[in-house]
C-alpha atoms as a PDB file:
ATOM      1  CA  MET A   1     -53.483 -17.394  24.593  1.00  0.00           C
ATOM      2  CA  PHE A   2     -50.127 -15.627  23.321  1.00  0.00           C
ATOM      3  CA  ASP A   3     -48.798 -16.003  20.345  1.00  0.00           C
ATOM      4  CA  PHE A   4     -45.791 -18.064  20.723  1.00  0.00           C
ATOM      5  CA  LEU A   5     -45.129 -18.757  17.089  1.00  0.00           C
ATOM      6  CA  GLY A   6     -45.483 -14.700  16.036  1.00  0.00           C
ATOM      7  CA  LEU A   7     -42.444 -14.425  18.388  1.00  0.00           C
ATOM      8  CA  LYS A   8     -40.824 -17.172  16.940  1.00  0.00           C
ATOM      9  CA  LYS A   9     -40.887 -16.156  13.598  1.00  0.00           C
ATOM     10  CA  GLY A  10     -40.035 -12.326  14.843  1.00  0.00           C
ATOM     11  CA  ILE A  11     -36.594 -14.244  16.046  1.00  0.00           C
ATOM     12  CA  ALA A  12     -36.473 -15.800  13.600  1.00  0.00           C
ATOM     13  CA  ASP A  13     -36.566 -12.940  11.124  1.00  0.00           C
ATOM     14  CA  ILE A  14     -33.899 -10.961  13.481  1.00  0.00           C
ATOM     15  CA  GLN A  15     -31.361 -13.615  12.668  1.00  0.00           C
ATOM     16  CA  LYS A  16     -32.205 -13.872   9.500  1.00  0.00           C
ATOM     17  CA  GLN A  17     -31.554 -10.090   9.500  1.00  0.00           C
ATOM     18  CA  VAL A  18     -28.382 -10.434  11.606  1.00  0.00           C
ATOM     19  CA  SER A  19     -27.318 -13.242   9.371  1.00  0.00           C
ATOM     20  CA  SER A  20     -26.957 -11.438   6.411  1.00  0.00           C
ATOM     21  CA  LEU A  21     -25.261  -8.422   7.179  1.00  0.00           C
ATOM     22  CA  GLN A  22     -23.000 -11.152   8.647  1.00  0.00           C
ATOM     23  CA  GLU A  23     -22.178 -12.425   5.238  1.00  0.00           C
ATOM     24  CA  LYS A  24     -22.218  -8.756   3.872  1.00  0.00           C
ATOM     25  CA  ILE A  25     -19.692  -8.210   6.372  1.00  0.00           C
ATOM     26  CA  GLU A  26     -17.613 -11.494   5.671  1.00  0.00           C
ATOM     27  CA  LEU A  27     -17.424 -10.987   1.340  1.00  0.00           C
ATOM     28  CA  PHE A  28     -16.694  -7.220   2.208  1.00  0.00           C
ATOM     29  CA  LYS A  29     -13.724  -8.723   3.788  1.00  0.00           C
ATOM     30  CA  ARG A  30     -13.030 -11.495   2.031  1.00  0.00           C
ATOM     31  CA  GLU A  31     -12.958  -8.924  -1.261  1.00  0.00           C
ATOM     32  CA  ARG A  32     -10.496  -7.030   1.008  1.00  0.00           C
ATOM     33  CA  ASP A  33      -8.002  -9.722   1.814  1.00  0.00           C
ATOM     34  CA  ASP A  34      -7.475 -10.286  -1.844  1.00  0.00           C
ATOM     35  CA  LEU A  35      -7.502  -6.539  -2.750  1.00  0.00           C
ATOM     36  CA  LEU A  36      -4.409  -6.558  -0.506  1.00  0.00           C
ATOM     37  CA  ALA A  37      -3.036  -9.424  -1.404  1.00  0.00           C
ATOM     38  CA  LEU A  38      -2.783  -9.468  -4.807  1.00  0.00           C
ATOM     39  CA  PRO A  39      -0.100  -8.117  -7.002  1.00  0.00           C
ATOM     40  CA  LEU A  40      -0.784  -4.743  -8.740  1.00  0.00           C
ATOM     41  CA  PRO A  41      -0.845  -5.199 -12.551  1.00  0.00           C
ATOM     42  CA  GLN A  42       2.668  -5.430 -14.121  1.00  0.00           C
ATOM     43  CA  GLU A  43       2.297  -1.952 -15.852  1.00  0.00           C
ATOM     44  CA  ASP A  44       1.491  -0.113 -12.772  1.00  0.00           C
ATOM     45  CA  VAL A  45       4.504  -1.752 -11.431  1.00  0.00           C
ATOM     46  CA  ALA A  46       6.920  -0.759 -14.143  1.00  0.00           C
ATOM     47  CA  ASN A  47       5.377   2.354 -14.496  1.00  0.00           C
ATOM     48  CA  ALA A  48       6.085   3.301 -10.462  1.00  0.00           C
ATOM     49  CA  LEU A  49       9.460   2.025 -10.700  1.00  0.00           C
ATOM     50  CA  ALA A  50      10.266   3.947 -13.261  1.00  0.00           C
ATOM     51  CA  GLU A  51       8.847   6.808 -11.595  1.00  0.00           C
ATOM     52  CA  SER A  52      10.766   6.477  -8.913  1.00  0.00           C
ATOM     53  CA  VAL A  53      14.077   7.199 -11.285  1.00  0.00           C
ATOM     54  CA  ASP A  54      13.540  11.400 -10.905  1.00  0.00           C
ATOM     55  CA  GLU A  55      12.929  10.800  -6.894  1.00  0.00           C
ATOM     56  CA  LEU A  56      15.971   9.261  -6.414  1.00  0.00           C
ATOM     57  CA  ALA A  57      17.924  11.373  -8.721  1.00  0.00           C
ATOM     58  CA  ASP A  58      17.089  14.322  -7.096  1.00  0.00           C
ATOM     59  CA  GLY A  59      18.780  12.836  -3.764  1.00  0.00           C
ATOM     60  CA  PHE A  60      21.973  12.585  -5.565  1.00  0.00           C
ATOM     61  CA  VAL A  61      21.636  16.187  -7.143  1.00  0.00           C
ATOM     62  CA  GLU A  62      21.358  17.260  -3.333  1.00  0.00           C
ATOM     63  CA  LYS A  63      24.305  15.238  -2.380  1.00  0.00           C
ATOM     64  CA  LEU A  64      26.256  16.697  -5.320  1.00  0.00           C
ATOM     65  CA  GLN A  65      25.694  19.935  -4.578  1.00  0.00           C
ATOM     66  CA  ASN A  66      26.896  19.626  -0.785  1.00  0.00           C
ATOM     67  CA  VAL A  67      30.007  18.182  -2.272  1.00  0.00           C
ATOM     68  CA  VAL A  68      30.518  21.284  -4.624  1.00  0.00           C
ATOM     69  CA  PHE A  69      29.459  23.753  -2.419  1.00  0.00           C
ATOM     70  CA  ASN A  70      32.186  21.983  -0.213  1.00  0.00           C
ATOM     71  CA  VAL A  71      35.088  22.610  -2.369  1.00  0.00           C
ATOM     72  CA  HIS A  72      36.675  25.458  -0.612  1.00  0.00           C
ATOM     73  CA  ARG A  73      37.788  23.468   1.988  1.00  0.00           C
ATOM     74  CA  LEU A  74      39.789  21.577  -0.191  1.00  0.00           C
ATOM     75  CA  ASP A  75      42.201  24.666   0.441  1.00  0.00           C
ATOM     76  CA  ARG A  76      42.982  23.510   4.020  1.00  0.00           C
ATOM     77  CA  HIS A  77      43.721  19.858   2.447  1.00  0.00           C
ATOM     78  CA  PRO A  78      45.708  20.032  -0.619  1.00  0.00           C
ATOM     79  CA  ASN A  79      45.597  16.618  -0.908  1.00  0.00           C
ATOM     80  CA  LEU A  80      42.067  16.061  -1.992  1.00  0.00           C
ATOM     81  CA  SER A  81      41.102  17.399  -5.388  1.00  0.00           C
ATOM     82  CA  ALA A  82      37.466  17.857  -6.388  1.00  0.00           C
ATOM     83  CA  ALA A  83      37.509  15.101  -8.272  1.00  0.00           C
ATOM     84  CA  SER A  84      38.582  13.068  -5.298  1.00  0.00           C
ATOM     85  CA  THR A  85      36.116  14.559  -3.560  1.00  0.00           C
ATOM     86  CA  LEU A  86      33.416  14.239  -5.486  1.00  0.00           C
ATOM     87  CA  GLN A  87      34.203  10.397  -5.705  1.00  0.00           C
ATOM     88  CA  MET A  88      34.604   9.863  -1.854  1.00  0.00           C
ATOM     89  CA  ALA A  89      30.758  11.259  -1.700  1.00  0.00           C
ATOM     90  CA  THR A  90      30.123   8.208  -4.207  1.00  0.00           C
ATOM     91  CA  ARG A  91      32.156   5.615  -3.178  1.00  0.00           C
ATOM     92  CA  GLU A  92      30.988   6.078   0.630  1.00  0.00           C
ATOM     93  CA  ASN A  93      27.493   5.994  -0.423  1.00  0.00           C
ATOM     94  CA  PHE A  94      28.321   3.255  -3.054  1.00  0.00           C
ATOM     95  CA  SER A  95      29.184   1.114   0.065  1.00  0.00           C
ATOM     96  CA  LYS A  96      25.961   1.786   2.031  1.00  0.00           C
ATOM     97  CA  ALA A  97      23.463  -1.451   2.203  1.00  0.00           C
ATOM     98  CA  ASP A  98      20.978   0.544   0.860  1.00  0.00           C
ATOM     99  CA  LEU A  99      22.632   2.015  -1.933  1.00  0.00           C
ATOM    100  CA  GLY A 100      20.893   5.112  -1.857  1.00  0.00           C
ATOM    101  CA  VAL A 101      23.222   7.668  -3.096  1.00  0.00           C
ATOM    102  CA  GLY A 102      24.751   5.232  -5.570  1.00  0.00           C
ATOM    103  CA  LEU A 103      21.506   4.349  -7.375  1.00  0.00           C
ATOM    104  CA  ALA A 104      20.217   7.981  -7.162  1.00  0.00           C
ATOM    105  CA  PHE A 105      23.898   8.179  -9.317  1.00  0.00           C
ATOM    106  CA  LEU A 106      22.860   5.946 -11.550  1.00  0.00           C
ATOM    107  CA  CYS A 107      19.448   7.366 -12.094  1.00  0.00           C
ATOM    108  CA  CYS A 108      21.095  10.810 -12.958  1.00  0.00           C
ATOM    109  CA  MET A 109      23.340   9.781 -15.924  1.00  0.00           C
ATOM    110  CA  ASP A 110      20.567   9.490 -17.989  1.00  0.00           C
ATOM    111  CA  PRO A 111      17.075   8.460 -16.711  1.00  0.00           C
ATOM    112  CA  ASP A 112      15.372   8.318 -19.827  1.00  0.00           C
ATOM    113  CA  LYS A 113      17.183   5.253 -20.336  1.00  0.00           C
ATOM    114  CA  LEU A 114      16.866   3.695 -17.199  1.00  0.00           C
ATOM    115  CA  LYS A 115      13.416   4.379 -17.006  1.00  0.00           C
ATOM    116  CA  THR A 116      12.861   2.489 -20.238  1.00  0.00           C
ATOM    117  CA  ALA A 117      15.474  -0.345 -19.031  1.00  0.00           C
ATOM    118  CA  ILE A 118      13.532  -0.629 -16.092  1.00  0.00           C
ATOM    119  CA  HIS A 119       9.867  -0.898 -17.893  1.00  0.00           C
ATOM    120  CA  GLN A 120      10.880  -3.291 -19.968  1.00  0.00           C
ATOM    121  CA  ASN A 121      12.611  -5.753 -17.630  1.00  0.00           C
ATOM    122  CA  VAL A 122       9.749  -5.475 -15.522  1.00  0.00           C
ATOM    123  CA  MET A 123       7.310  -6.131 -18.684  1.00  0.00           C
ATOM    124  CA  ARG A 124       9.490  -9.321 -18.972  1.00  0.00           C
ATOM    125  CA  LEU A 125       8.818 -10.920 -16.270  1.00  0.00           C
ATOM    126  CA  ASN A 126       6.449 -13.873 -15.561  1.00  0.00           C
ATOM    127  CA  TRP A 127       3.494 -12.313 -13.714  1.00  0.00           C
ATOM    128  CA  PRO A 128       0.962 -13.704 -11.971  1.00  0.00           C
ATOM    129  CA  GLU A 129      -2.621 -13.868 -13.772  1.00  0.00           C
ATOM    130  CA  LYS A 130      -4.326 -13.107 -11.159  1.00  0.00           C
ATOM    131  CA  VAL A 131      -3.864  -9.411 -10.135  1.00  0.00           C
ATOM    132  CA  GLY A 132      -5.663  -6.577  -8.157  1.00  0.00           C
ATOM    133  CA  PRO A 133      -6.408  -3.374  -9.893  1.00  0.00           C
ATOM    134  CA  PRO A 134      -3.680  -0.705 -10.054  1.00  0.00           C
ATOM    135  CA  ARG A 135      -2.598   1.733  -7.238  1.00  0.00           C
ATOM    136  CA  ALA A 136      -5.357   4.561  -8.330  1.00  0.00           C
ATOM    137  CA  GLU A 137      -8.389   2.262  -8.014  1.00  0.00           C
ATOM    138  CA  ARG A 138      -7.095   0.112  -5.117  1.00  0.00           C
ATOM    139  CA  ALA A 139      -6.792   2.828  -2.513  1.00  0.00           C
ATOM    140  CA  ALA A 140     -10.233   4.115  -3.024  1.00  0.00           C
ATOM    141  CA  ARG A 141     -12.042   0.573  -3.093  1.00  0.00           C
ATOM    142  CA  LEU A 142     -10.268   0.183  -0.136  1.00  0.00           C
ATOM    143  CA  THR A 143     -11.824   3.045   1.494  1.00  0.00           C
ATOM    144  CA  GLU A 144     -15.134   1.841  -0.076  1.00  0.00           C
ATOM    145  CA  ILE A 145     -14.630  -1.991   1.513  1.00  0.00           C
ATOM    146  CA  ASN A 146     -13.623  -0.380   4.794  1.00  0.00           C
ATOM    147  CA  ASN A 147     -16.388   1.785   4.909  1.00  0.00           C
ATOM    148  CA  GLU A 148     -19.078  -0.479   4.069  1.00  0.00           C
ATOM    149  CA  ILE A 149     -17.705  -2.827   7.027  1.00  0.00           C
ATOM    150  CA  THR A 150     -18.270  -0.062   9.482  1.00  0.00           C
ATOM    151  CA  THR A 151     -21.736   0.701   8.269  1.00  0.00           C
ATOM    152  CA  LEU A 152     -22.619  -2.785   7.939  1.00  0.00           C
ATOM    153  CA  GLU A 153     -21.146  -3.677  11.965  1.00  0.00           C
ATOM    154  CA  THR A 154     -22.485  -0.853  13.320  1.00  0.00           C
ATOM    155  CA  GLU A 155     -26.244  -1.861  11.728  1.00  0.00           C
ATOM    156  CA  GLU A 156     -25.450  -5.434  13.228  1.00  0.00           C
ATOM    157  CA  GLN A 157     -24.818  -4.432  16.791  1.00  0.00           C
ATOM    158  CA  ALA A 158     -27.617  -2.046  17.234  1.00  0.00           C
ATOM    159  CA  ILE A 159     -29.888  -5.395  16.131  1.00  0.00           C
ATOM    160  CA  LEU A 160     -27.953  -7.271  18.209  1.00  0.00           C
ATOM    161  CA  LYS A 161     -28.096  -4.676  21.314  1.00  0.00           C
ATOM    162  CA  THR A 162     -31.649  -3.960  20.565  1.00  0.00           C
ATOM    163  CA  ALA A 163     -32.439  -7.727  20.442  1.00  0.00           C
ATOM    164  CA  LYS A 164     -30.654  -8.037  23.873  1.00  0.00           C
ATOM    165  CA  ASP A 165     -32.234  -4.881  25.500  1.00  0.00           C
ATOM    166  CA  SER A 166     -35.484  -6.653  24.519  1.00  0.00           C
ATOM    167  CA  GLY A 167     -34.232  -9.840  26.105  1.00  0.00           C
ATOM    168  CA  ILE A 168     -33.834 -12.123  22.879  1.00  0.00           C
ATOM    169  CA  SER A 169     -30.414 -13.539  22.422  1.00  0.00           C
ATOM    170  CA  ILE A 170     -28.871 -13.470  18.807  1.00  0.00           C
ATOM    171  CA  ALA A 171     -25.680 -15.630  17.842  1.00  0.00           C
ATOM    172  CA  GLN A 172     -22.929 -13.422  17.072  1.00  0.00           C
ATOM    173  CA  ARG A 173     -19.995 -13.918  14.873  1.00  0.00           C
ATOM    174  CA  ILE A 174     -16.787 -13.803  16.416  1.00  0.00           C
ATOM    175  CA  THR A 175     -14.935 -10.768  15.466  1.00  0.00           C
ATOM    176  CA  GLU A 176     -11.446 -10.037  14.456  1.00  0.00           C
END
């Protein structure tokens, strides 16, 4: 007589294995969602904003260089002075919505003092108690999580395909 009990046990074992993989996949996906949703640590944000001061200042130096190298055009426009040319360059950019060059100009004035002020002000903000890992660790952990999910999903699909090819139907999770 055919061993239906053994077949039933084998199918139950496969279902357990697939369920276990699905639970692990869901745990990793929840961890990934949390990691993406949680804010950076306050110190990390303060440092990142302070670091951007130098980048913004470089943008202004380039614009200033363009103005300085175009001062020779003043000969063609006797009503313009070098000061008014620089003023126009900064005023035009202060009126832009993003304040790109205007902000860059401020970053050039005293970058160390500005960095300190930014850092101090960010550290004064009310910050959520629960935060994610710092930027440097976050990217690496996201890569690890995504690799784990891919590995587990590949394993799950291989088991489901083998079961299907053998005529065994296993419940599948709904994928995104």
